[in-house]
Amino acid sequence: MKKKIGWAVLLVVSHILILIGGSVIGRHDAIDDLFGQAEKADAQVALGRYTIYRDMAKDIKTGRYERAQCSARLGASSMYDNVKTCLAKSECRDSIEKKAHEVAPELLGEVPLEFEYLESKNGIRHCGENVPNIYVKPAR
């Protein structure tokens, strides 16, 4: 009888340990997956920003200042819209409002914009006829 109780206790304890171990491993894997997905999303944003800065640097180097200015305005206009979208949502606004007030009060309407904002038309931004072949398609 004592042997049966001992085996039953051992069985219960081993199952509890397996359950706890599986929970810990599952939580660790979920956190790793979340960080991995965040890293991939961040890399997509960084790649987009890199191409804008790269193109501006190339245009400045070759003396195409209007194109460089266009790239800067395209990037600033796109990021302006992204941050304004966050500021319009209360759950997102709290995370960025204080910093925006310090570094970019124009996003909060406290001061006027200091660059020529390029509005998106039919999902595409462009600088106009004077600077061809530069545009930003919306992210999908």
Protein backbone atom coordinates (compact mmCIF):
# COMPACT_ATOMS: atom_id res chain seq x y z
CA MET A 1 0.00 0.00 0.00
CA LYS A 2 2.79 2.44 0.92
CA LYS A 3 4.51 1.57 -2.32
CA LYS A 4 1.37 2.46 -4.32
CA ILE A 5 1.03 5.78 -2.49
CA GLY A 6 4.70 6.52 -3.11
CA TRP A 7 4.30 5.84 -6.83
CA ALA A 8 1.15 7.98 -6.95
CA VAL A 9 2.94 10.87 -5.22
CA LEU A 10 5.92 10.47 -7.54
CA LEU A 11 3.61 10.46 -10.56
CA VAL A 12 1.77 13.61 -9.42
CA VAL A 13 5.01 15.45 -8.58
CA SER A 14 6.61 14.48 -11.89
CA HIS A 15 3.57 15.70 -13.84
CA ILE A 16 3.57 18.97 -11.94
CA LEU A 17 7.28 19.46 -12.68
CA ILE A 18 6.72 18.68 -16.37
CA LEU A 19 3.81 21.15 -16.45
CA ILE A 20 5.87 23.89 -14.79
CA GLY A 21 8.87 23.19 -17.03
CA GLY A 22 6.71 23.28 -20.15
CA SER A 23 5.15 26.54 -19.02
CA VAL A 24 8.55 28.14 -18.45
CA ILE A 25 9.90 26.93 -21.80
CA GLY A 26 6.71 28.03 -23.59
CA ARG A 27 6.86 31.49 -22.04
CA HIS A 28 10.54 31.81 -22.99
CA ASP A 29 9.83 30.74 -26.58
CA ALA A 30 6.89 33.16 -26.84
CA ILE A 31 9.03 36.07 -25.63
CA ASP A 32 11.81 35.13 -28.06
CA ASP A 33 9.28 34.97 -30.90
CA LEU A 34 7.83 38.36 -29.95
CA PHE A 35 11.27 39.96 -29.89
CA GLY A 36 12.11 38.29 -33.19
CA GLN A 37 8.98 39.69 -34.83
CA ALA A 38 9.66 43.16 -33.41
CA GLU A 39 13.23 42.99 -34.73
CA LYS A 40 11.95 42.09 -38.21
CA ALA A 41 9.47 44.98 -38.19
CA ASP A 42 12.16 47.37 -36.99
CA ALA A 43 14.46 46.18 -39.78
CA GLN A 44 11.77 46.96 -42.37
CA VAL A 45 11.45 50.51 -41.03
CA ALA A 46 15.24 50.89 -40.88
CA LEU A 47 15.56 49.68 -44.48
CA GLY A 48 13.06 52.29 -45.65
CA ARG A 49 14.84 55.05 -43.77
CA TYR A 50 18.23 53.86 -45.01
CA THR A 51 17.16 54.12 -48.65
CA ILE A 52 15.90 57.67 -48.11
CA TYR A 53 19.13 58.78 -46.42
CA ARG A 54 21.27 56.91 -48.95
CA ASP A 55 19.49 58.59 -51.85
CA MET A 56 19.83 62.01 -50.22
CA ALA A 57 23.56 61.47 -49.66
CA LYS A 58 24.06 60.35 -53.27
CA ASP A 59 22.11 63.34 -54.58
CA ILE A 60 24.07 65.80 -52.45
CA LYS A 61 27.35 64.21 -53.53
CA THR A 62 26.42 64.61 -57.20
CA GLY A 63 25.05 68.14 -56.77
CA ARG A 64 21.39 67.23 -57.25
CA TYR A 65 20.22 69.32 -54.31
CA GLU A 66 16.57 69.54 -55.42
CA ARG A 67 16.34 65.75 -55.45
CA ALA A 68 17.99 65.55 -52.01
CA GLN A 69 15.56 68.12 -50.67
CA CYS A 70 12.69 66.17 -52.22
CA SER A 71 13.84 62.94 -50.53
CA ALA A 72 14.04 64.75 -47.20
CA ARG A 73 10.54 66.21 -47.61
CA LEU A 74 9.13 62.83 -48.67
CA GLY A 75 10.62 61.13 -45.62
CA ALA A 76 9.58 63.88 -43.22
CA SER A 77 6.03 63.96 -44.62
CA SER A 78 5.66 60.20 -44.33
CA MET A 79 6.99 60.09 -40.76
CA TYR A 80 4.80 63.11 -39.88
CA ASP A 81 1.72 61.14 -40.93
CA ASN A 82 2.86 58.04 -39.01
CA VAL A 83 3.36 59.97 -35.77
CA LYS A 84 0.12 61.94 -36.24
CA THR A 85 -1.73 58.63 -36.59
CA CYS A 86 -0.29 57.50 -33.25
CA LEU A 87 -1.13 60.83 -31.60
CA ALA A 88 -4.76 60.45 -32.73
CA LYS A 89 -5.11 57.22 -30.72
CA SER A 90 -5.24 57.60 -26.95
CA GLU A 91 -3.55 54.24 -26.30
CA CYS A 92 -0.59 55.26 -28.48
CA ARG A 93 -0.54 58.99 -27.72
CA ASP A 94 0.56 58.53 -24.10
CA SER A 95 3.73 56.74 -25.21
CA ILE A 96 4.98 59.57 -27.44
CA GLU A 97 3.29 62.86 -26.55
CA LYS A 98 5.89 64.05 -24.02
CA LYS A 99 8.83 63.36 -26.34
CA ALA A 100 7.00 64.94 -29.30
CA HIS A 101 6.44 68.06 -27.21
CA GLU A 102 10.21 68.26 -26.55
CA VAL A 103 11.62 67.48 -30.00
CA ALA A 104 8.81 68.07 -32.51
CA PRO A 105 6.13 70.41 -31.15
CA GLU A 106 4.83 70.94 -34.70
CA LEU A 107 3.34 67.43 -34.49
CA LEU A 108 1.12 68.67 -31.68
CA GLY A 109 0.20 71.85 -33.54
CA GLU A 110 2.19 74.02 -31.11
CA VAL A 111 4.36 75.59 -33.84
CA PRO A 112 4.08 75.64 -37.64
CA LEU A 113 5.83 73.05 -39.81
CA GLU A 114 9.32 74.08 -40.87
CA PHE A 115 9.32 72.08 -44.11
CA GLU A 116 7.04 71.79 -47.11
CA TYR A 117 4.69 68.92 -46.27
CA LEU A 118 3.95 66.64 -49.23
CA GLU A 119 0.44 65.27 -49.08
CA SER A 120 -0.27 61.73 -50.21
CA LYS A 121 -2.57 61.52 -53.24
CA ASN A 122 -4.02 58.13 -54.09
CA GLY A 123 -1.46 56.58 -51.75
CA ILE A 124 1.53 58.20 -53.47
CA ARG A 125 3.63 61.21 -52.52
CA HIS A 126 5.79 63.10 -54.97
CA CYS A 127 7.63 66.38 -55.14
CA GLY A 128 6.12 67.53 -58.40
CA GLU A 129 7.19 67.92 -61.99
CA ASN A 130 10.55 69.56 -61.25
CA VAL A 131 11.90 66.47 -59.49
CA PRO A 132 10.84 63.36 -61.44
CA ASN A 133 11.16 59.72 -60.46
CA ILE A 134 11.00 60.21 -56.70
CA TYR A 135 7.92 58.98 -54.90
CA VAL A 136 6.93 56.98 -51.85
CA LYS A 137 4.35 54.22 -52.13
CA PRO A 138 2.34 53.40 -49.02
CA ALA A 139 3.50 50.49 -46.87
CA ARG A 140 1.46 47.30 -47.18
